[in-house]
Amino acid sequence: MDRFETTPDDSGNSFAEGLAQVSGAVELSGSRILLRPIVSDDLAAIQRWRSDPEVTRYWITRAVPTLDDLHDWLRENERSGSWTWLILDETAERIGYINVFGVSREHRHAELAMMIGERSRWGEGYAREALAALLVYLLTPADASGAGLHKVSLSVFAENVVARKAYRACGFREDGLLREDMWYDGRWRDQILMSVLEDEFLEASSSSGSVD
């Protein structure tokens, strides 16, 4: 893991008091997974996942991106300060990715979206393990080599009960319901807003011994 620099944010506070500014790539790991920043060579795998209707069943958009689209997406993430991680399993196979975006330095919160694109890895706990490893980093204080966030949020389709269960296991709580928020497959779908605070994640980790 590269070092963290403390520089002033927009409110005049330092990142040590709020959000850490990461210099270079940050790799994270669990017992079976490795998270590393996405590079251009990973985009073909992401395009394949995004082209699979079963994989994108609960994704926010079903539009199939071209490789050029994904290169633009990666550059935009870098420009905007969003963080993208590829998820690799214990055999170093690419199995999914995570995007952390909407990062607020002042309020110390961000949103995330996660996809396990390899269907052969579904139901084996990889999503939960990757999420737990990421949250340890995101919700650890900046002066303890974390990102220094206070809150991480996401949205999930109400009918995606498997994902909601995994999120709750990592300390996420349901904040509210967006009724008939998305038009998919000829009908309206509800979305659930969920979030986890740094102390809630610590509580979830302590109560279960581990969230991996």
Foldseek 3Di string as FASTA:
>chain_A
DDAWDWDADPVRDTCLVFFTDDDDWDWWDDPWKIKTFDDLVCLVVVLVLLQDCVQCVWPPDSDRDDSVRVVVVSVVCVVQVKTKIFMATNVRDTFWIKIWDPQDRVQQETEMDITRRPPVCPPVCSVLRVVQRLCVQSLDRVVVNHRRGFKYKYKTWPPPVVVVVSCVLQQKDWDDKDFQPDQPPHGGTIMTIIMHGSVSNVVSCVVVVHRD
